[in-house]
Amino acid sequence: MHKNNGNYQIKYKIWIENAEGESLFGDGKWELLIAIEETGSLKEAIEKMGWGYRSTWNKLQALEQKLGFQIIEKSRGGTGGGGQTVLTTKGKQFVDIFRKIHEESDAEFEKISKKFNKFISKL
């Protein structure tokens, strides 16, 4: 048996649930919204995630319904296509607060990982 080097990372996942314990939003949808912001296209963002269009669209609509505000805004293109999807102002704020939650959590979990590694290296 070899001595461990105390080089471990404590990992976590963050998601938002409603009062009934139903998961509404987590890292996957957060990454999707970031991809929409980057590409300007719901279709491209969904393809980037490797998800199905219809189920993802339904989940986004359900999320907006449960939150009580619109997150994305779609515009159709002309006869040649070229539609665009953008985050609404509230959608951008929602993405930003989730990003801040991650940043703060990342910093805290880095501290926890260091404490854990210090402890485990003494065993």
N, C-alpha and C. Protein backbone atom coordinates (compact mmCIF):
# COMPACT_ATOMS: atom_id res chain seq x y z
N MET A 1 0.85 -1.17 0.00
CA MET A 1 0.00 0.00 0.00
C MET A 1 0.90 1.24 0.00
N HIS A 2 0.57 2.18 -0.83
CA HIS A 2 1.40 3.39 -0.90
C HIS A 2 0.75 4.53 -0.11
N LYS A 3 1.60 5.43 0.35
CA LYS A 3 1.11 6.60 1.10
C LYS A 3 0.44 7.55 0.13
N ASN A 4 -0.74 8.04 0.51
CA ASN A 4 -1.42 8.99 -0.38
C ASN A 4 -0.68 10.32 -0.33
N ASN A 5 -0.80 11.09 -1.39
CA ASN A 5 -0.08 12.35 -1.49
C ASN A 5 -0.93 13.55 -1.07
N GLY A 6 -2.15 13.31 -0.61
CA GLY A 6 -3.00 14.42 -0.17
C GLY A 6 -3.34 15.37 -1.30
N ASN A 7 -3.55 14.84 -2.48
CA ASN A 7 -3.87 15.68 -3.63
C ASN A 7 -5.26 15.34 -4.14
N TYR A 8 -6.27 15.60 -3.32
CA TYR A 8 -7.65 15.29 -3.66
C TYR A 8 -8.44 16.59 -3.83
N GLN A 9 -9.50 16.49 -4.59
CA GLN A 9 -10.41 17.62 -4.79
C GLN A 9 -11.81 17.21 -4.33
N ILE A 10 -12.40 18.01 -3.51
CA ILE A 10 -13.79 17.79 -3.11
C ILE A 10 -14.66 18.39 -4.22
N LYS A 11 -15.56 17.61 -4.79
CA LYS A 11 -16.40 18.05 -5.90
C LYS A 11 -17.84 18.23 -5.43
N TYR A 12 -18.60 18.97 -6.18
CA TYR A 12 -19.98 19.26 -5.82
C TYR A 12 -20.78 19.61 -7.07
N LYS A 13 -22.08 19.57 -6.93
CA LYS A 13 -23.00 20.02 -7.98
C LYS A 13 -23.98 20.98 -7.33
N ILE A 14 -24.39 21.97 -8.09
CA ILE A 14 -25.35 22.96 -7.60
C ILE A 14 -26.59 22.89 -8.47
N TRP A 15 -27.74 22.90 -7.86
CA TRP A 15 -28.99 23.01 -8.60
C TRP A 15 -30.00 23.76 -7.75
N ILE A 16 -31.01 24.24 -8.39
CA ILE A 16 -32.07 24.99 -7.72
C ILE A 16 -33.34 24.15 -7.77
N GLU A 17 -33.97 24.02 -6.60
CA GLU A 17 -35.22 23.29 -6.49
C GLU A 17 -36.32 24.24 -6.03
N ASN A 18 -37.55 23.89 -6.37
CA ASN A 18 -38.68 24.65 -5.85
C ASN A 18 -39.06 24.10 -4.47
N ALA A 19 -40.10 24.67 -3.87
CA ALA A 19 -40.51 24.28 -2.51
C ALA A 19 -40.92 22.81 -2.44
N GLU A 20 -41.34 22.22 -3.55
CA GLU A 20 -41.75 20.82 -3.58
C GLU A 20 -40.56 19.87 -3.80
N GLY A 21 -39.36 20.40 -3.91
CA GLY A 21 -38.18 19.58 -4.11
C GLY A 21 -37.93 19.20 -5.56
N GLU A 22 -38.64 19.85 -6.48
CA GLU A 22 -38.48 19.58 -7.90
C GLU A 22 -37.29 20.38 -8.44
N SER A 23 -36.38 19.71 -9.09
CA SER A 23 -35.21 20.38 -9.66
C SER A 23 -35.64 21.26 -10.84
N LEU A 24 -35.26 22.53 -10.78
CA LEU A 24 -35.60 23.48 -11.84
C LEU A 24 -34.40 23.83 -12.72
N PHE A 25 -33.26 24.00 -12.10
CA PHE A 25 -32.11 24.57 -12.82
C PHE A 25 -30.83 24.05 -12.19
N GLY A 26 -29.90 23.68 -13.06
CA GLY A 26 -28.60 23.22 -12.59
C GLY A 26 -27.53 23.52 -13.62
N ASP A 27 -26.42 22.87 -13.46
CA ASP A 27 -25.26 23.14 -14.32
C ASP A 27 -25.55 22.92 -15.80
N GLY A 28 -26.33 21.88 -16.13
CA GLY A 28 -26.61 21.61 -17.55
C GLY A 28 -27.36 22.74 -18.22
N LYS A 29 -28.45 23.19 -17.61
CA LYS A 29 -29.22 24.30 -18.20
C LYS A 29 -28.41 25.59 -18.17
N TRP A 30 -27.61 25.76 -17.12
CA TRP A 30 -26.73 26.93 -17.04
C TRP A 30 -25.75 26.94 -18.22
N GLU A 31 -25.13 25.81 -18.48
CA GLU A 31 -24.20 25.70 -19.62
C GLU A 31 -24.93 25.93 -20.94
N LEU A 32 -26.17 25.45 -21.05
CA LEU A 32 -26.97 25.68 -22.24
C LEU A 32 -27.21 27.17 -22.45
N LEU A 33 -27.59 27.87 -21.39
CA LEU A 33 -27.84 29.31 -21.52
C LEU A 33 -26.56 30.07 -21.88
N ILE A 34 -25.45 29.65 -21.34
CA ILE A 34 -24.16 30.27 -21.72
C ILE A 34 -23.89 30.01 -23.21
N ALA A 35 -24.17 28.79 -23.68
CA ALA A 35 -23.97 28.46 -25.10
C ALA A 35 -24.90 29.28 -25.98
N ILE A 36 -26.14 29.52 -25.53
CA ILE A 36 -27.06 30.37 -26.29
C ILE A 36 -26.49 31.78 -26.37
N GLU A 37 -25.98 32.26 -25.26
CA GLU A 37 -25.39 33.60 -25.21
C GLU A 37 -24.21 33.71 -26.16
N GLU A 38 -23.41 32.65 -26.22
CA GLU A 38 -22.21 32.65 -27.07
C GLU A 38 -22.54 32.52 -28.56
N THR A 39 -23.52 31.66 -28.88
CA THR A 39 -23.80 31.36 -30.28
C THR A 39 -24.91 32.22 -30.88
N GLY A 40 -25.82 32.71 -30.03
CA GLY A 40 -26.98 33.43 -30.54
C GLY A 40 -27.98 32.51 -31.21
N SER A 41 -27.84 31.20 -30.93
CA SER A 41 -28.70 30.22 -31.59
C SER A 41 -29.07 29.12 -30.60
N LEU A 42 -30.36 28.91 -30.41
CA LEU A 42 -30.82 27.81 -29.57
C LEU A 42 -30.40 26.48 -30.19
N LYS A 43 -30.59 26.34 -31.49
CA LYS A 43 -30.26 25.10 -32.19
C LYS A 43 -28.77 24.75 -32.04
N GLU A 44 -27.90 25.74 -32.26
CA GLU A 44 -26.47 25.48 -32.13
C GLU A 44 -26.08 25.15 -30.70
N ALA A 45 -26.70 25.84 -29.75
CA ALA A 45 -26.40 25.59 -28.34
C ALA A 45 -26.81 24.17 -27.95
N ILE A 46 -27.99 23.76 -28.41
CA ILE A 46 -28.47 22.41 -28.11
C ILE A 46 -27.57 21.37 -28.75
N GLU A 47 -27.15 21.61 -29.99
CA GLU A 47 -26.24 20.67 -30.66
C GLU A 47 -24.91 20.59 -29.91
N LYS A 48 -24.43 21.73 -29.44
CA LYS A 48 -23.17 21.78 -28.69
C LYS A 48 -23.27 20.93 -27.43
N MET A 49 -24.46 20.92 -26.81
CA MET A 49 -24.68 20.16 -25.59
C MET A 49 -24.94 18.68 -25.90
N GLY A 50 -25.29 18.37 -27.15
CA GLY A 50 -25.61 16.99 -27.52
C GLY A 50 -26.98 16.56 -27.05
N TRP A 51 -27.90 17.49 -26.92
CA TRP A 51 -29.25 17.23 -26.43
C TRP A 51 -30.24 17.23 -27.58
N GLY A 52 -31.43 16.74 -27.33
CA GLY A 52 -32.51 16.77 -28.31
C GLY A 52 -33.22 18.12 -28.27
N TYR A 53 -33.61 18.60 -29.45
CA TYR A 53 -34.20 19.93 -29.55
C TYR A 53 -35.55 20.02 -28.81
N ARG A 54 -36.46 19.12 -29.12
CA ARG A 54 -37.82 19.21 -28.58
C ARG A 54 -37.84 19.14 -27.06
N SER A 55 -37.13 18.17 -26.48
CA SER A 55 -37.15 18.03 -25.02
C SER A 55 -36.47 19.22 -24.34
N THR A 56 -35.42 19.74 -24.95
CA THR A 56 -34.74 20.90 -24.37
C THR A 56 -35.64 22.13 -24.43
N TRP A 57 -36.30 22.32 -25.57
CA TRP A 57 -37.23 23.44 -25.72
C TRP A 57 -38.34 23.35 -24.67
N ASN A 58 -38.88 22.15 -24.49
CA ASN A 58 -39.94 21.95 -23.50
C ASN A 58 -39.45 22.25 -22.08
N LYS A 59 -38.23 21.84 -21.76
CA LYS A 59 -37.66 22.10 -20.43
C LYS A 59 -37.44 23.60 -20.21
N LEU A 60 -37.00 24.30 -21.24
CA LEU A 60 -36.81 25.75 -21.11
C LEU A 60 -38.15 26.46 -20.90
N GLN A 61 -39.15 26.04 -21.63
CA GLN A 61 -40.48 26.64 -21.46
C GLN A 61 -41.03 26.36 -20.06
N ALA A 62 -40.83 25.14 -19.57
CA ALA A 62 -41.28 24.79 -18.22
C ALA A 62 -40.54 25.61 -17.17
N LEU A 63 -39.24 25.80 -17.37
CA LEU A 63 -38.44 26.60 -16.45
C LEU A 63 -38.97 28.03 -16.38
N GLU A 64 -39.20 28.62 -17.55
CA GLU A 64 -39.73 29.99 -17.59
C GLU A 64 -41.08 30.07 -16.88
N GLN A 65 -41.92 29.09 -17.11
CA GLN A 65 -43.24 29.05 -16.47
C GLN A 65 -43.11 29.02 -14.95
N LYS A 66 -42.22 28.17 -14.46
CA LYS A 66 -42.06 28.00 -13.01
C LYS A 66 -41.38 29.21 -12.37
N LEU A 67 -40.46 29.84 -13.09
CA LEU A 67 -39.78 31.02 -12.55
C LEU A 67 -40.66 32.26 -12.62
N GLY A 68 -41.55 32.28 -13.61
CA GLY A 68 -42.43 33.42 -13.77
C GLY A 68 -41.86 34.55 -14.60
N PHE A 69 -40.79 34.25 -15.35
CA PHE A 69 -40.24 35.24 -16.27
C PHE A 69 -39.55 34.55 -17.43
N GLN A 70 -39.46 35.28 -18.53
CA GLN A 70 -38.85 34.77 -19.75
C GLN A 70 -37.33 34.82 -19.63
N ILE A 71 -36.67 33.74 -20.04
CA ILE A 71 -35.20 33.65 -19.98
C ILE A 71 -34.59 33.89 -21.35
N ILE A 72 -35.23 33.34 -22.38
CA ILE A 72 -34.71 33.51 -23.73
C ILE A 72 -35.76 34.18 -24.61
N GLU A 73 -35.27 34.79 -25.66
CA GLU A 73 -36.15 35.41 -26.65
C GLU A 73 -35.70 34.94 -28.02
N LYS A 74 -36.64 34.34 -28.75
CA LYS A 74 -36.34 33.83 -30.09
C LYS A 74 -36.92 34.78 -31.12
N SER A 75 -36.17 34.95 -32.20
CA SER A 75 -36.71 35.68 -33.35
C SER A 75 -36.50 34.81 -34.58
N ARG A 76 -37.51 34.75 -35.40
CA ARG A 76 -37.42 33.94 -36.62
C ARG A 76 -36.71 34.73 -37.71
N GLY A 77 -36.02 33.99 -38.53
CA GLY A 77 -35.36 34.60 -39.67
C GLY A 77 -36.34 34.78 -40.82
N GLY A 78 -35.88 35.35 -41.88
CA GLY A 78 -36.71 35.53 -43.07
C GLY A 78 -36.82 34.22 -43.84
N THR A 79 -37.06 34.32 -45.12
CA THR A 79 -37.24 33.13 -45.95
C THR A 79 -35.98 32.27 -45.98
N GLY A 80 -34.82 32.86 -45.79
CA GLY A 80 -33.57 32.11 -45.79
C GLY A 80 -33.16 31.64 -44.41
N GLY A 81 -34.02 31.79 -43.42
CA GLY A 81 -33.66 31.38 -42.06
C GLY A 81 -32.98 32.53 -41.34
N GLY A 82 -32.00 32.20 -40.55
CA GLY A 82 -31.22 33.24 -39.87
C GLY A 82 -31.85 33.73 -38.59
N GLY A 83 -32.71 32.91 -37.97
CA GLY A 83 -33.30 33.30 -36.70
C GLY A 83 -32.24 33.43 -35.62
N GLN A 84 -32.60 34.08 -34.55
CA GLN A 84 -31.65 34.32 -33.48
C GLN A 84 -32.33 34.05 -32.14
N THR A 85 -31.57 33.56 -31.19
CA THR A 85 -32.04 33.38 -29.82
C THR A 85 -31.08 34.12 -28.90
N VAL A 86 -31.63 34.95 -28.04
CA VAL A 86 -30.81 35.70 -27.08
C VAL A 86 -31.39 35.54 -25.69
N LEU A 87 -30.56 35.78 -24.70
CA LEU A 87 -31.05 35.80 -23.33
C LEU A 87 -31.72 37.14 -23.08
N THR A 88 -32.82 37.11 -22.37
CA THR A 88 -33.47 38.35 -21.96
C THR A 88 -32.61 39.00 -20.87
N THR A 89 -32.95 40.20 -20.49
CA THR A 89 -32.22 40.86 -19.41
C THR A 89 -32.30 40.02 -18.14
N LYS A 90 -33.49 39.53 -17.81
CA LYS A 90 -33.64 38.68 -16.63
C LYS A 90 -32.90 37.36 -16.81
N GLY A 91 -32.88 36.84 -18.02
CA GLY A 91 -32.12 35.62 -18.30
C GLY A 91 -30.64 35.82 -18.06
N LYS A 92 -30.11 36.96 -18.50
CA LYS A 92 -28.69 37.27 -18.27
C LYS A 92 -28.40 37.41 -16.78
N GLN A 93 -29.32 38.06 -16.06
CA GLN A 93 -29.15 38.21 -14.61
C GLN A 93 -29.18 36.84 -13.92
N PHE A 94 -30.06 35.97 -14.38
CA PHE A 94 -30.17 34.63 -13.82
C PHE A 94 -28.87 33.85 -14.04
N VAL A 95 -28.33 33.92 -15.25
CA VAL A 95 -27.06 33.26 -15.56
C VAL A 95 -25.94 33.84 -14.69
N ASP A 96 -25.93 35.16 -14.54
CA ASP A 96 -24.88 35.82 -13.76
C ASP A 96 -24.93 35.43 -12.28
N ILE A 97 -26.13 35.36 -11.70
CA ILE A 97 -26.21 34.99 -10.28
C ILE A 97 -25.79 33.55 -10.08
N PHE A 98 -26.12 32.68 -11.02
CA PHE A 98 -25.69 31.29 -10.92
C PHE A 98 -24.17 31.20 -11.06
N ARG A 99 -23.61 32.03 -11.93
CA ARG A 99 -22.14 32.08 -12.09
C ARG A 99 -21.49 32.54 -10.78
N LYS A 100 -22.07 33.55 -10.14
CA LYS A 100 -21.53 34.05 -8.87
C LYS A 100 -21.63 32.99 -7.78
N ILE A 101 -22.73 32.27 -7.76
CA ILE A 101 -22.88 31.17 -6.79
C ILE A 101 -21.76 30.16 -7.00
N HIS A 102 -21.48 29.84 -8.26
CA HIS A 102 -20.39 28.90 -8.57
C HIS A 102 -19.04 29.45 -8.14
N GLU A 103 -18.78 30.70 -8.45
CA GLU A 103 -17.49 31.29 -8.08
C GLU A 103 -17.27 31.25 -6.57
N GLU A 104 -18.29 31.62 -5.82
CA GLU A 104 -18.17 31.60 -4.36
C GLU A 104 -18.03 30.17 -3.85
N SER A 105 -18.80 29.26 -4.42
CA SER A 105 -18.72 27.86 -4.01
C SER A 105 -17.37 27.26 -4.37
N ASP A 106 -16.86 27.58 -5.57
CA ASP A 106 -15.55 27.08 -5.98
C ASP A 106 -14.48 27.48 -4.97
N ALA A 107 -14.51 28.74 -4.55
CA ALA A 107 -13.51 29.24 -3.60
C ALA A 107 -13.62 28.51 -2.27
N GLU A 108 -14.85 28.31 -1.80
CA GLU A 108 -15.06 27.61 -0.53
C GLU A 108 -14.64 26.14 -0.62
N PHE A 109 -14.97 25.50 -1.73
CA PHE A 109 -14.61 24.09 -1.87
C PHE A 109 -13.11 23.91 -2.07
N GLU A 110 -12.44 24.90 -2.60
CA GLU A 110 -10.98 24.86 -2.70
C GLU A 110 -10.38 24.88 -1.28
N LYS A 111 -10.92 25.70 -0.42
CA LYS A 111 -10.47 25.75 0.98
C LYS A 111 -10.74 24.41 1.67
N ILE A 112 -11.93 23.87 1.45
CA ILE A 112 -12.29 22.59 2.05
C ILE A 112 -11.37 21.48 1.55
N SER A 113 -11.05 21.51 0.26
CA SER A 113 -10.14 20.50 -0.31
C SER A 113 -8.76 20.59 0.33
N LYS A 114 -8.29 21.81 0.54
CA LYS A 114 -6.98 21.98 1.18
C LYS A 114 -6.98 21.44 2.60
N LYS A 115 -8.05 21.71 3.35
CA LYS A 115 -8.17 21.18 4.71
C LYS A 115 -8.21 19.66 4.69
N PHE A 116 -8.98 19.11 3.76
CA PHE A 116 -9.08 17.66 3.65
C PHE A 116 -7.72 17.05 3.33
N ASN A 117 -7.00 17.65 2.38
CA ASN A 117 -5.69 17.13 1.99
C ASN A 117 -4.70 17.20 3.14
N LYS A 118 -4.78 18.28 3.90
CA LYS A 118 -3.90 18.41 5.07
C LYS A 118 -4.21 17.31 6.07
N PHE A 119 -5.50 17.05 6.31
CA PHE A 119 -5.92 16.01 7.23
C PHE A 119 -5.49 14.63 6.72
N ILE A 120 -5.78 14.34 5.47
CA ILE A 120 -5.55 12.99 4.95
C ILE A 120 -4.06 12.67 4.84
N SER A 121 -3.25 13.69 4.62
CA SER A 121 -1.79 13.44 4.51
C SER A 121 -1.18 13.04 5.85
N LYS A 122 -1.91 13.29 6.93
CA LYS A 122 -1.42 12.91 8.28
C LYS A 122 -1.82 11.49 8.66
N LEU A 123 -2.70 10.89 7.88
CA LEU A 123 -3.16 9.53 8.23
C LEU A 123 -2.17 8.47 7.81
